[in-house]
Amino acid sequence: MSLELGKSGSYIRSITSGATMPSIKELFNIMAYFEVSPPEFFSGLQGKNILLTALEEKLRGLSNEDLEKVSLFIDWITGSRSNNSMDVRH
């Protein structure tokens, strides 16, 4: 990766070990290398669960009908088949 960014072979190792910090320009080059946006890159610093984030992204693409199915499934696996279910049919 270091060489692909046009740096010495030890460049990334020096960043990960804390010996050096990348410039803002190099930080954006690293994000571009991984094809992630700044919010995606820094989301781990907020203590956000990566799995939860991935599931949120998948849920955004579902229809209301499919969201209701997911909600019922969650109720079933958690044993909370009470009035806590969200009815997304409006």
C-alpha atoms as a PDB file:
ATOM      1  CA  MET A   1       0.000   0.000   0.000  1.00  0.00           C
ATOM      2  CA  SER A   2       2.786   2.421   0.898  1.00  0.00           C
ATOM      3  CA  LEU A   3       4.367   1.980  -2.523  1.00  0.00           C
ATOM      4  CA  GLU A   4       0.997   2.335  -4.282  1.00  0.00           C
ATOM      5  CA  LEU A   5       0.593   5.679  -2.499  1.00  0.00           C
ATOM      6  CA  GLY A   6       4.013   6.725  -3.799  1.00  0.00           C
ATOM      7  CA  LYS A   7       5.680   6.461  -0.402  1.00  0.00           C
ATOM      8  CA  SER A   8       8.500   4.370   1.042  1.00  0.00           C
ATOM      9  CA  GLY A   9       7.775   0.782   1.997  1.00  0.00           C
ATOM     10  CA  SER A  10       7.682   1.650   5.694  1.00  0.00           C
ATOM     11  CA  TYR A  11       5.335   4.661   5.404  1.00  0.00           C
ATOM     12  CA  ILE A  12       2.108   2.937   6.526  1.00  0.00           C
ATOM     13  CA  ARG A  13       3.954   1.011   9.235  1.00  0.00           C
ATOM     14  CA  SER A  14       5.243   4.298  10.656  1.00  0.00           C
ATOM     15  CA  ILE A  15       1.677   5.656  10.764  1.00  0.00           C
ATOM     16  CA  THR A  16       0.183   2.557  12.382  1.00  0.00           C
ATOM     17  CA  SER A  17       2.955   2.412  14.970  1.00  0.00           C
ATOM     18  CA  GLY A  18       2.350   6.039  15.903  1.00  0.00           C
ATOM     19  CA  ALA A  19       5.825   7.159  14.831  1.00  0.00           C
ATOM     20  CA  THR A  20       4.403   9.653  12.335  1.00  0.00           C
ATOM     21  CA  MET A  21       1.108  11.227  11.328  1.00  0.00           C
ATOM     22  CA  PRO A  22       0.004  11.613   7.711  1.00  0.00           C
ATOM     23  CA  SER A  23      -0.628  15.051   6.275  1.00  0.00           C
ATOM     24  CA  ILE A  24      -4.231  15.939   5.457  1.00  0.00           C
ATOM     25  CA  LYS A  25      -3.477  15.347   1.777  1.00  0.00           C
ATOM     26  CA  GLU A  26      -2.019  11.908   2.507  1.00  0.00           C
ATOM     27  CA  LEU A  27      -4.938  11.077   4.794  1.00  0.00           C
ATOM     28  CA  PHE A  28      -7.321  11.759   1.913  1.00  0.00           C
ATOM     29  CA  ASN A  29      -5.100   9.660  -0.367  1.00  0.00           C
ATOM     30  CA  ILE A  30      -5.392   6.775   2.117  1.00  0.00           C
ATOM     31  CA  MET A  31      -9.199   7.161   2.208  1.00  0.00           C
ATOM     32  CA  ALA A  32      -9.280   7.174  -1.600  1.00  0.00           C
ATOM     33  CA  TYR A  33      -7.122   4.038  -1.638  1.00  0.00           C
ATOM     34  CA  PHE A  34      -9.716   2.242   0.497  1.00  0.00           C
ATOM     35  CA  GLU A  35     -12.586   3.928  -1.390  1.00  0.00           C
ATOM     36  CA  VAL A  36     -14.197   5.267   1.787  1.00  0.00           C
ATOM     37  CA  SER A  37     -15.575   8.687   2.657  1.00  0.00           C
ATOM     38  CA  PRO A  38     -14.262  10.673   5.640  1.00  0.00           C
ATOM     39  CA  PRO A  39     -17.335   9.786   7.761  1.00  0.00           C
ATOM     40  CA  GLU A  40     -16.844   6.096   6.950  1.00  0.00           C
ATOM     41  CA  PHE A  41     -13.131   6.317   7.709  1.00  0.00           C
ATOM     42  CA  PHE A  42     -13.652   7.964  11.094  1.00  0.00           C
ATOM     43  CA  SER A  43     -16.805   6.080  12.130  1.00  0.00           C
ATOM     44  CA  GLY A  44     -14.747   3.691  14.273  1.00  0.00           C
ATOM     45  CA  LEU A  45     -13.571   6.597  16.390  1.00  0.00           C
ATOM     46  CA  GLN A  46     -17.136   7.230  17.492  1.00  0.00           C
ATOM     47  CA  GLY A  47     -17.345   3.746  18.957  1.00  0.00           C
ATOM     48  CA  LYS A  48     -20.042   2.789  16.490  1.00  0.00           C
ATOM     49  CA  ASN A  49     -20.570  -0.905  15.946  1.00  0.00           C
ATOM     50  CA  ILE A  50     -19.417  -1.829  12.428  1.00  0.00           C
ATOM     51  CA  LEU A  51     -21.990  -4.612  12.121  1.00  0.00           C
ATOM     52  CA  LEU A  52     -24.770  -2.256  13.167  1.00  0.00           C
ATOM     53  CA  THR A  53     -23.654   0.277  10.572  1.00  0.00           C
ATOM     54  CA  ALA A  54     -23.648  -2.387   7.843  1.00  0.00           C
ATOM     55  CA  LEU A  55     -27.133  -3.519   8.847  1.00  0.00           C
ATOM     56  CA  GLU A  56     -28.408   0.069   8.836  1.00  0.00           C
ATOM     57  CA  GLU A  57     -27.169   0.460   5.258  1.00  0.00           C
ATOM     58  CA  LYS A  58     -28.921  -2.739   4.182  1.00  0.00           C
ATOM     59  CA  LEU A  59     -32.163  -1.746   5.910  1.00  0.00           C
ATOM     60  CA  ARG A  60     -32.266   1.596   4.090  1.00  0.00           C
ATOM     61  CA  GLY A  61     -32.600  -0.253   0.793  1.00  0.00           C
ATOM     62  CA  LEU A  62     -35.607  -2.354   1.833  1.00  0.00           C
ATOM     63  CA  SER A  63     -39.244  -1.712   1.022  1.00  0.00           C
ATOM     64  CA  ASN A  64     -41.721  -1.016   3.830  1.00  0.00           C
ATOM     65  CA  GLU A  65     -43.098  -4.535   3.375  1.00  0.00           C
ATOM     66  CA  ASP A  66     -39.646  -6.050   3.850  1.00  0.00           C
ATOM     67  CA  LEU A  67     -38.927  -3.761   6.812  1.00  0.00           C
ATOM     68  CA  GLU A  68     -42.070  -5.074   8.500  1.00  0.00           C
ATOM     69  CA  LYS A  69     -40.845  -8.644   7.956  1.00  0.00           C
ATOM     70  CA  VAL A  70     -37.467  -7.765   9.473  1.00  0.00           C
ATOM     71  CA  SER A  71     -39.211  -6.140  12.437  1.00  0.00           C
ATOM     72  CA  LEU A  72     -41.329  -9.252  13.022  1.00  0.00           C
ATOM     73  CA  PHE A  73     -38.255 -11.462  12.764  1.00  0.00           C
ATOM     74  CA  ILE A  74     -36.404  -9.331  15.330  1.00  0.00           C
ATOM     75  CA  ASP A  75     -39.406  -9.557  17.642  1.00  0.00           C
ATOM     76  CA  TRP A  76     -39.408 -13.332  17.203  1.00  0.00           C
ATOM     77  CA  ILE A  77     -35.688 -13.840  17.911  1.00  0.00           C
ATOM     78  CA  THR A  78     -35.711 -11.505  20.913  1.00  0.00           C
ATOM     79  CA  GLY A  79     -38.941 -12.948  22.290  1.00  0.00           C
ATOM     80  CA  SER A  80     -40.652  -9.562  22.389  1.00  0.00           C
ATOM     81  CA  ARG A  81     -43.825 -10.195  20.442  1.00  0.00           C
ATOM     82  CA  SER A  82     -45.565  -7.407  22.318  1.00  0.00           C
ATOM     83  CA  ASN A  83     -46.800  -4.033  21.158  1.00  0.00           C
ATOM     84  CA  ASN A  84     -43.188  -2.962  20.531  1.00  0.00           C
ATOM     85  CA  SER A  85     -43.438  -3.990  16.874  1.00  0.00           C
ATOM     86  CA  MET A  86     -43.289  -1.145  14.441  1.00  0.00           C
ATOM     87  CA  ASP A  87     -46.114  -1.121  11.934  1.00  0.00           C
ATOM     88  CA  VAL A  88     -44.578   0.504   8.887  1.00  0.00           C
ATOM     89  CA  ARG A  89     -47.713   0.122   6.754  1.00  0.00           C
ATOM     90  CA  HIS A  90     -49.368   3.514   6.495  1.00  0.00           C
END
